[in-house]
Amino acid sequence: MKRSTDRILTTHVGSLIRPAELQEFLRAVQGGKPYDEKAYQTCLTDSVAAVVRQQADTGIDVPSDGEFGKSISWAQYALTRLSGFERRPIKEDKANPFKRGADRTRFADFYAELDAKEAVSTTTEAICVGPIAYTGLGELQRDIENFKAALGKVKVSEGFLPVAAPASVIPDRKNEFYKTDEELQTAIAGAMRTEYKAIIDAGLVVQLDDARSAVTYDRMVPPGSFADYKSWLEKQIEVMNEATKGLPQEQIRYHVCWGSWPGPHVSDVPLKDIVDVILKAKVGAFVIEGANPRHEHEWKVWKNAKLDGRVLIPGVISHATNVVEHPELVAERIVRLANLVGRENVIGGTDCGFAQGPFYRRVHPSVMWAKLEALVAGARLATAELWGRAAA
C-alpha cells in the first residue's frame, strides 16, 4: 500500500455513478429481462476503462473500478457470488428490516417523506437456506481483469477494489440453515476470504466495506445496551481478522462509515467509543468517514488513538451534499490530521461512495467529479503546507 511519502495522495471509497448505457444493461440483469450478453460485457469493460481514465485525469492517485461490475448494491452483490441464499418478498412493511433504527423512530415523519421522495424501496429479503460457498470466481475474475487492463493504460500509484466485509455481506439476512447466527457469520467470512485473497493475489489493494460495523448501533440500541453492541462489534472484528488471516495487511483497507443515507444521524455511535475496537482490525489502512457535520469534529479522536504505523484515509469530502467543498477546507482537514498522525500516514479520501448501487446516487455526476477535483486541489495545498513546497 502506497503512503504519502513525498506528497499527500488521494483516493475515495470506491462506488462511482454508473453511466446511463451501463445502467440499461444492469436493469435488465436485475429484472431478469433478456439482453445481449456480449454487448453487456463490452459495455462494462469500456465503462471501467473510461472511469479509471477519468479518475487518473482528475488526479486521483489510488482509483477503483467504480464498483461497475456489481449488478446489485455494495453489500447485496454477494447474493450473486455466494451459494446458500434465496430471496423472498417482504410480506409486511413493518417487518422490513431496512426500515428500522433509532434515527427512523425519532424522525418518523422525515423518513416517511424521504422514502416517498426518493422512491427507493427494498421489497425482498435474503434467507440462508443451505451451505454457503463462494461461487462467484468468474464474475470476480472479470472485474479484476477489467480493472487491471484499465490501470495499465493510466499513470496512478495503485488501484483498489472495494468488497463487503463479513459483517456487511447481505445485511439483514435471515438464517434458516445454520444452528446459530454465529455459525452463519463464520461461514460467510470463510467464503468471502476467497474474494479477498483473489484481489490481493492479483496485485491489487482490497477494501473491506463495513457500514454495518457502526450502523448496527442505531439498529441495536435501544433496546440493547452499548455493552451489547460493543460485544457484537468486537466479535465482527474477530471474524473479519480470521477471514484475512495470513493475507498481507499492507494490501487491505477497512472502510467504516455511519451509513450513506441523508438522514439526521443523531443516534450514530461516536467514533471515540468504538475506535479502540476498530483499531483491532488487522489491516494496513482505515478509511473512516469524517467530512459531514455529524462526524467532522471526531478528527480529535486521533490525538490519542494510535495507528501503530498504519495509514489513515479520512473522509475530507462528503458524498451526501451537492455543495462542493473548497480546496482550502479540504487542505485544512488533511493538515490537522497529518499533524497528529504524521503526514506520511494520511491519504485524502471521501466519506462514502457516491453511488449506492447501480442506479441510486447522492449527487449529480458532474458534482461528483467536481468534488474529486476539489479533493485533489486540497491535497496539493496540504502538500505545500506540510512539505513547504508545491506538489510535484
Protein backbone atom coordinates (compact mmCIF):
# COMPACT_ATOMS: atom_id res chain seq x y z
CA MET A 1 0.00 0.00 0.00
CA LYS A 2 1.40 3.35 -1.05
CA ARG A 3 1.95 6.08 1.51
CA SER A 4 2.16 9.85 1.27
CA THR A 5 5.95 9.79 1.41
CA ASP A 6 6.59 12.99 -0.56
CA ARG A 7 3.08 14.42 -1.04
CA ILE A 8 -0.48 13.81 0.10
CA LEU A 9 -2.04 11.08 -2.01
CA THR A 10 -5.74 10.95 -2.87
CA THR A 11 -8.32 8.19 -3.18
CA HIS A 12 -12.02 7.67 -2.44
CA VAL A 13 -14.32 4.99 -1.04
CA GLY A 14 -15.00 3.18 -4.28
CA SER A 15 -18.51 3.35 -5.68
CA LEU A 16 -18.93 5.85 -8.52
CA ILE A 17 -22.00 6.81 -10.53
CA ARG A 18 -22.61 4.38 -13.40
CA PRO A 19 -23.02 5.73 -16.95
CA ALA A 20 -26.51 5.53 -18.45
CA GLU A 21 -25.58 2.94 -21.06
CA LEU A 22 -24.26 0.57 -18.38
CA GLN A 23 -27.32 1.16 -16.21
CA GLU A 24 -29.57 -0.08 -19.01
CA PHE A 25 -27.82 -3.44 -19.02
CA LEU A 26 -27.83 -3.63 -15.22
CA ARG A 27 -31.59 -3.00 -15.12
CA ALA A 28 -32.05 -5.96 -17.44
CA VAL A 29 -29.75 -8.12 -15.33
CA GLN A 30 -31.58 -7.23 -12.11
CA GLY A 31 -35.00 -7.57 -13.67
CA GLY A 32 -34.30 -10.93 -15.30
CA LYS A 33 -35.05 -9.46 -18.74
CA PRO A 34 -33.33 -10.52 -21.97
CA TYR A 35 -30.18 -8.65 -23.01
CA ASP A 36 -27.18 -9.11 -25.27
CA GLU A 37 -24.53 -10.69 -23.04
CA LYS A 38 -21.63 -9.87 -25.36
CA ALA A 39 -22.73 -6.26 -25.67
CA TYR A 40 -23.09 -6.02 -21.88
CA GLN A 41 -19.57 -7.31 -21.26
CA THR A 42 -18.16 -4.93 -23.87
CA CYS A 43 -20.03 -2.02 -22.30
CA LEU A 44 -18.77 -2.98 -18.83
CA THR A 45 -15.15 -3.25 -19.98
CA ASP A 46 -15.34 0.09 -21.79
CA SER A 47 -17.09 1.78 -18.84
CA VAL A 48 -14.42 0.63 -16.38
CA ALA A 49 -11.67 1.84 -18.71
CA ALA A 50 -13.36 5.23 -19.06
CA VAL A 51 -13.97 5.76 -15.33
CA VAL A 52 -10.42 4.76 -14.42
CA ARG A 53 -9.11 7.14 -17.09
CA GLN A 54 -11.26 9.98 -15.74
CA GLN A 55 -10.08 9.34 -12.17
CA ALA A 56 -6.47 9.46 -13.35
CA ASP A 57 -7.08 12.61 -15.38
CA THR A 58 -8.69 14.21 -12.33
CA GLY A 59 -5.57 13.44 -10.30
CA ILE A 60 -6.81 10.61 -8.09
CA ASP A 61 -3.75 8.59 -7.08
CA VAL A 62 -5.49 5.40 -5.96
CA PRO A 63 -8.62 4.76 -8.08
CA SER A 64 -11.17 1.96 -8.09
CA ASP A 65 -13.27 0.38 -10.84
CA GLY A 66 -16.26 2.35 -9.54
CA GLU A 67 -17.84 -0.97 -8.49
CA PHE A 68 -19.24 -1.11 -12.01
CA GLY A 69 -19.18 -4.92 -12.08
CA LYS A 70 -21.68 -5.27 -9.22
CA SER A 71 -25.19 -5.74 -10.52
CA ILE A 72 -26.74 -5.08 -7.10
CA SER A 73 -25.67 -2.84 -4.22
CA TRP A 74 -22.30 -2.65 -2.43
CA ALA A 75 -23.43 -5.33 0.06
CA GLN A 76 -26.22 -7.25 -1.67
CA TYR A 77 -23.98 -8.06 -4.66
CA ALA A 78 -22.73 -11.05 -2.66
CA LEU A 79 -26.04 -12.75 -3.47
CA THR A 80 -24.63 -13.36 -6.96
CA ARG A 81 -21.36 -14.76 -5.59
CA LEU A 82 -22.42 -16.97 -2.67
CA SER A 83 -24.47 -20.14 -2.63
CA GLY A 84 -27.00 -20.89 0.09
CA PHE A 85 -29.30 -17.85 -0.18
CA GLU A 86 -32.72 -17.30 -1.67
CA ARG A 87 -34.71 -14.08 -1.94
CA ARG A 88 -38.30 -13.75 -0.80
CA PRO A 89 -40.79 -10.87 -0.81
CA ILE A 90 -41.07 -8.93 2.43
CA LYS A 91 -44.68 -9.54 3.43
CA GLU A 92 -45.30 -6.58 5.75
CA ASP A 93 -43.79 -3.11 5.67
CA LYS A 94 -43.44 -3.07 9.46
CA ALA A 95 -41.28 -6.17 9.17
CA ASN A 96 -38.99 -4.57 6.59
CA PRO A 97 -35.50 -4.84 8.13
CA PHE A 98 -34.33 -1.89 6.05
CA LYS A 99 -36.75 0.44 7.87
CA ARG A 100 -35.56 0.03 11.45
CA GLY A 101 -33.43 2.10 13.75
CA ALA A 102 -33.44 4.79 16.42
CA ASP A 103 -32.97 7.56 13.85
CA ARG A 104 -36.03 6.38 11.92
CA THR A 105 -38.06 6.11 15.10
CA ARG A 106 -37.29 9.65 16.29
CA PHE A 107 -37.71 11.24 12.86
CA ALA A 108 -40.54 9.10 11.52
CA ASP A 109 -42.20 11.95 9.61
CA PHE A 110 -38.94 12.93 7.97
CA TYR A 111 -38.21 9.37 6.85
CA ALA A 112 -41.76 8.90 5.54
CA GLU A 113 -41.25 12.00 3.38
CA LEU A 114 -37.74 10.90 2.34
CA ASP A 115 -38.88 7.38 1.39
CA ALA A 116 -41.71 8.78 -0.73
CA LYS A 117 -39.48 11.37 -2.41
CA GLU A 118 -36.62 9.03 -3.20
CA ALA A 119 -38.90 6.21 -4.31
CA VAL A 120 -36.33 3.64 -3.22
CA SER A 121 -37.98 0.52 -1.89
CA THR A 122 -36.49 -2.76 -0.80
CA THR A 123 -39.13 -5.42 -1.35
CA THR A 124 -37.17 -8.65 -0.89
CA GLU A 125 -35.07 -10.15 1.87
CA ALA A 126 -32.32 -12.77 1.75
CA ILE A 127 -32.74 -16.07 3.57
CA CYS A 128 -29.92 -18.56 4.15
CA VAL A 129 -31.38 -21.94 3.27
CA GLY A 130 -28.26 -24.02 2.56
CA PRO A 131 -24.49 -24.25 2.96
CA ILE A 132 -22.58 -21.13 1.96
CA ALA A 133 -19.74 -21.34 -0.52
CA TYR A 134 -18.09 -18.86 -2.85
CA THR A 135 -19.39 -19.35 -6.39
CA GLY A 136 -18.52 -16.01 -7.99
CA LEU A 137 -14.96 -16.54 -9.17
CA GLY A 138 -15.91 -15.99 -12.81
CA GLU A 139 -17.58 -12.66 -12.10
CA LEU A 140 -14.78 -11.62 -9.74
CA GLN A 141 -12.06 -12.50 -12.23
CA ARG A 142 -13.87 -10.49 -14.89
CA ASP A 143 -13.84 -7.44 -12.60
CA ILE A 144 -10.16 -7.92 -11.77
CA GLU A 145 -9.19 -8.26 -15.43
CA ASN A 146 -11.24 -5.23 -16.49
CA PHE A 147 -9.72 -3.13 -13.74
CA LYS A 148 -6.13 -4.20 -14.32
CA ALA A 149 -6.47 -3.60 -18.06
CA ALA A 150 -7.74 -0.09 -17.32
CA LEU A 151 -4.95 0.57 -14.81
CA GLY A 152 -2.38 -0.46 -17.39
CA LYS A 153 -3.39 2.49 -19.57
CA VAL A 154 -3.03 5.24 -16.97
CA LYS A 155 -0.44 6.58 -14.55
CA VAL A 156 -1.57 6.15 -10.95
CA SER A 157 0.02 4.95 -7.70
CA GLU A 158 -2.05 1.77 -7.38
CA GLY A 159 -5.62 0.51 -7.58
CA PHE A 160 -8.14 -0.91 -5.10
CA LEU A 161 -11.27 -2.99 -5.35
CA PRO A 162 -13.97 -2.49 -2.69
CA VAL A 163 -15.87 -5.53 -1.43
CA ALA A 164 -18.07 -6.20 1.58
CA ALA A 165 -16.58 -7.04 4.98
CA PRO A 166 -18.14 -10.13 6.61
CA ALA A 167 -20.48 -8.12 8.89
CA SER A 168 -21.83 -6.19 5.89
CA VAL A 169 -22.32 -9.09 3.50
CA ILE A 170 -26.04 -9.26 2.67
CA PRO A 171 -27.08 -7.20 5.73
CA ASP A 172 -30.37 -8.06 7.48
CA ARG A 173 -30.12 -11.59 6.16
CA LYS A 174 -32.13 -14.31 7.90
CA ASN A 175 -30.89 -17.73 8.90
CA GLU A 176 -32.87 -20.92 8.31
CA PHE A 177 -29.96 -23.30 7.84
CA TYR A 178 -27.15 -22.89 10.36
CA LYS A 179 -27.68 -23.70 14.02
CA THR A 180 -26.70 -20.22 15.14
CA ASP A 181 -26.16 -16.81 13.57
CA GLU A 182 -22.51 -17.07 14.66
CA GLU A 183 -22.13 -20.21 12.54
CA LEU A 184 -23.71 -18.35 9.63
CA GLN A 185 -21.32 -15.43 10.10
CA THR A 186 -18.32 -17.74 10.22
CA ALA A 187 -19.45 -19.46 7.02
CA ILE A 188 -19.86 -16.12 5.22
CA ALA A 189 -16.41 -14.97 6.33
CA GLY A 190 -14.82 -18.21 5.20
CA ALA A 191 -16.44 -17.95 1.78
CA MET A 192 -15.61 -14.27 1.32
CA ARG A 193 -11.94 -14.95 2.05
CA THR A 194 -11.81 -16.37 -1.46
CA GLU A 195 -12.73 -12.95 -2.82
CA TYR A 196 -10.32 -11.05 -0.59
CA LYS A 197 -7.41 -13.35 -1.45
CA ALA A 198 -8.07 -13.29 -5.19
CA ILE A 199 -7.93 -9.49 -5.28
CA ILE A 200 -4.70 -9.41 -3.28
CA ASP A 201 -3.17 -12.19 -5.38
CA ALA A 202 -3.90 -10.05 -8.45
CA GLY A 203 -1.62 -7.36 -7.01
CA LEU A 204 -4.44 -5.01 -6.03
CA VAL A 205 -5.45 -3.47 -2.72
CA VAL A 206 -8.69 -4.86 -1.29
CA GLN A 207 -11.02 -2.57 0.63
CA LEU A 208 -13.40 -4.18 3.12
CA ASP A 209 -16.53 -2.04 3.26
CA ASP A 210 -18.25 -2.25 6.64
CA ALA A 211 -21.01 0.29 7.14
CA ARG A 212 -22.76 -2.21 9.38
CA SER A 213 -19.99 -2.04 11.97
CA ALA A 214 -21.16 1.43 13.05
CA VAL A 215 -24.76 1.43 11.78
CA THR A 216 -25.71 -1.58 13.90
CA TYR A 217 -25.59 0.63 16.99
CA ASP A 218 -28.56 2.58 15.60
CA ARG A 219 -30.39 -0.71 14.99
CA MET A 220 -29.48 -2.33 18.32
CA VAL A 221 -29.55 0.43 20.97
CA PRO A 222 -32.20 0.64 22.35
CA PRO A 223 -33.49 -1.87 23.40
CA GLY A 224 -29.99 -3.32 23.67
CA SER A 225 -27.22 -1.64 25.65
CA PHE A 226 -23.98 -0.11 24.45
CA ALA A 227 -22.20 -3.07 26.08
CA ASP A 228 -24.28 -5.44 23.92
CA TYR A 229 -23.36 -3.53 20.80
CA LYS A 230 -19.66 -3.29 21.61
CA SER A 231 -19.52 -7.02 22.30
CA TRP A 232 -21.15 -7.61 18.89
CA LEU A 233 -18.65 -5.29 17.20
CA GLU A 234 -15.68 -7.00 18.82
CA LYS A 235 -16.96 -10.33 17.51
CA GLN A 236 -17.29 -8.93 13.98
CA ILE A 237 -13.70 -7.68 14.02
CA GLU A 238 -12.56 -11.11 15.21
CA VAL A 239 -14.46 -12.80 12.38
CA MET A 240 -13.01 -10.39 9.83
CA ASN A 241 -9.49 -10.92 11.14
CA GLU A 242 -9.97 -14.67 10.78
CA ALA A 243 -11.18 -14.18 7.19
CA THR A 244 -8.00 -12.24 6.33
CA LYS A 245 -5.60 -14.33 8.41
CA GLY A 246 -2.32 -14.83 6.60
CA LEU A 247 -3.09 -12.22 3.95
CA PRO A 248 -0.73 -9.22 3.74
CA GLN A 249 -2.13 -6.43 5.91
CA GLU A 250 -0.47 -3.78 3.76
CA GLN A 251 -2.84 -4.71 0.91
CA ILE A 252 -6.02 -4.38 2.98
CA ARG A 253 -8.06 -1.23 3.68
CA TYR A 254 -11.00 -1.18 6.12
CA HIS A 255 -13.84 1.29 5.49
CA VAL A 256 -16.10 2.39 8.34
CA CYS A 257 -18.98 4.84 7.94
CA TRP A 258 -22.33 5.55 9.56
CA GLY A 259 -24.47 4.76 6.53
CA SER A 260 -24.81 6.86 3.41
CA TRP A 261 -28.47 7.83 3.70
CA PRO A 262 -29.26 11.59 4.00
CA GLY A 263 -30.87 11.45 7.45
CA PRO A 264 -30.30 13.32 10.73
CA HIS A 265 -27.95 10.62 12.11
CA VAL A 266 -28.41 11.86 15.68
CA SER A 267 -28.22 8.29 17.00
CA ASP A 268 -24.85 7.47 15.41
CA VAL A 269 -22.37 5.87 17.79
CA PRO A 270 -19.46 8.25 18.49
CA LEU A 271 -16.15 7.22 16.93
CA LYS A 272 -14.38 7.77 20.26
CA ASP A 273 -16.49 5.00 21.80
CA ILE A 274 -15.54 2.35 19.23
CA VAL A 275 -12.16 3.38 17.82
CA ASP A 276 -10.35 1.00 20.19
CA VAL A 277 -12.27 -1.93 18.69
CA ILE A 278 -11.93 -0.76 15.09
CA LEU A 279 -8.17 -0.49 15.50
CA LYS A 280 -8.03 -4.19 16.34
CA ALA A 281 -8.67 -4.89 12.65
CA LYS A 282 -5.56 -6.41 11.10
CA VAL A 283 -5.39 -4.11 8.11
CA GLY A 284 -2.98 -1.62 6.62
CA ALA A 285 -5.32 1.37 6.40
CA PHE A 286 -8.53 2.71 7.92
CA VAL A 287 -10.95 4.56 5.63
CA ILE A 288 -13.20 6.48 8.02
CA GLU A 289 -16.00 8.99 7.43
CA GLY A 290 -15.08 12.45 8.69
CA ALA A 291 -16.31 15.27 6.46
CA ASN A 292 -20.01 15.50 7.26
CA PRO A 293 -21.31 17.83 10.02
CA ARG A 294 -22.20 14.93 12.33
CA HIS A 295 -18.68 13.48 12.42
CA GLU A 296 -16.16 16.11 11.32
CA HIS A 297 -15.34 17.05 14.93
CA GLU A 298 -14.11 13.49 15.52
CA TRP A 299 -10.71 14.27 13.99
CA LYS A 300 -9.79 14.95 17.62
CA VAL A 301 -10.05 11.21 18.32
CA TRP A 302 -6.68 10.79 16.62
CA LYS A 303 -4.96 12.85 19.32
CA ASN A 304 -4.98 9.71 21.46
CA ALA A 305 -5.89 6.77 19.19
CA LYS A 306 -2.79 5.01 17.88
CA LEU A 307 -2.49 3.83 14.29
CA ASP A 308 0.64 1.79 15.09
CA GLY A 309 2.23 2.51 11.74
CA ARG A 310 -0.90 2.08 9.68
CA VAL A 311 -2.49 4.57 7.28
CA LEU A 312 -5.49 6.81 7.93
CA ILE A 313 -7.72 7.66 4.96
CA PRO A 314 -10.14 10.22 6.37
CA GLY A 315 -13.20 11.46 4.56
CA VAL A 316 -12.36 15.06 3.70
CA ILE A 317 -15.06 15.26 1.00
CA SER A 318 -18.73 14.49 1.64
CA HIS A 319 -20.66 12.24 -0.71
CA ALA A 320 -24.05 13.39 0.60
CA THR A 321 -24.34 17.03 -0.49
CA ASN A 322 -24.13 18.75 -3.85
CA VAL A 323 -22.18 21.58 -2.24
CA VAL A 324 -18.59 21.25 -3.48
CA GLU A 325 -16.01 21.64 -0.75
CA HIS A 326 -13.47 24.44 -1.13
CA PRO A 327 -9.92 23.13 -1.63
CA GLU A 328 -8.73 25.25 1.29
CA LEU A 329 -11.18 23.46 3.59
CA VAL A 330 -10.02 20.11 2.24
CA ALA A 331 -6.41 21.09 2.93
CA GLU A 332 -7.33 22.21 6.44
CA ARG A 333 -8.93 18.85 7.19
CA ILE A 334 -5.90 16.98 5.87
CA VAL A 335 -3.29 19.09 7.64
CA ARG A 336 -4.82 18.91 11.10
CA LEU A 337 -4.84 15.10 10.90
CA ALA A 338 -1.36 14.93 9.40
CA ASN A 339 -0.09 16.97 12.32
CA LEU A 340 -1.50 14.33 14.68
CA VAL A 341 -0.60 11.05 12.97
CA GLY A 342 2.20 12.03 10.59
CA ARG A 343 1.90 13.33 7.05
CA GLU A 344 3.14 10.04 5.56
CA ASN A 345 0.25 8.24 7.26
CA VAL A 346 -2.59 10.30 5.72
CA ILE A 347 -4.27 9.84 2.33
CA GLY A 348 -7.13 12.16 1.40
CA GLY A 349 -10.42 10.35 0.84
CA THR A 350 -14.21 10.66 0.73
CA ASP A 351 -16.82 9.85 3.35
CA CYS A 352 -18.56 7.12 1.36
CA GLY A 353 -19.37 6.02 -2.17
CA PHE A 354 -21.07 8.48 -4.49
CA ALA A 355 -23.42 5.75 -5.75
CA GLN A 356 -25.44 3.45 -3.51
CA GLY A 357 -25.72 0.70 -6.10
CA PRO A 358 -26.13 0.74 -9.87
CA PHE A 359 -28.98 3.28 -10.07
CA TYR A 360 -29.05 5.41 -6.95
CA ARG A 361 -26.79 8.37 -6.29
CA ARG A 362 -26.37 11.14 -3.72
CA VAL A 363 -25.06 13.87 -6.04
CA HIS A 364 -25.15 14.71 -9.74
CA PRO A 365 -22.36 13.08 -11.78
CA SER A 366 -20.87 16.47 -12.68
CA VAL A 367 -20.80 17.38 -8.99
CA MET A 368 -19.09 14.09 -8.13
CA TRP A 369 -16.20 14.91 -10.44
CA ALA A 370 -16.05 18.49 -9.16
CA LYS A 371 -15.74 17.12 -5.62
CA LEU A 372 -12.91 14.80 -6.63
CA GLU A 373 -11.20 17.74 -8.31
CA ALA A 374 -11.55 19.69 -5.04
CA LEU A 375 -10.04 16.72 -3.19
CA VAL A 376 -7.01 16.73 -5.48
CA ALA A 377 -6.62 20.51 -5.27
CA GLY A 378 -6.91 20.39 -1.48
CA ALA A 379 -4.29 17.66 -1.27
CA ARG A 380 -1.90 19.84 -3.26
CA LEU A 381 -2.45 22.75 -0.87
CA ALA A 382 -1.90 20.41 2.09
CA THR A 383 1.30 19.15 0.46
CA ALA A 384 2.57 22.71 0.09
CA GLU A 385 1.93 23.39 3.78
CA LEU A 386 3.23 20.08 5.13
CA TRP A 387 6.35 19.85 2.96
CA GLY A 388 6.91 23.55 2.45
CA ARG A 389 6.59 23.22 -1.31
CA ALA A 390 4.08 22.59 -4.05
CA ALA A 391 3.16 19.04 -5.06
CA ALA A 392 5.08 17.59 -7.99
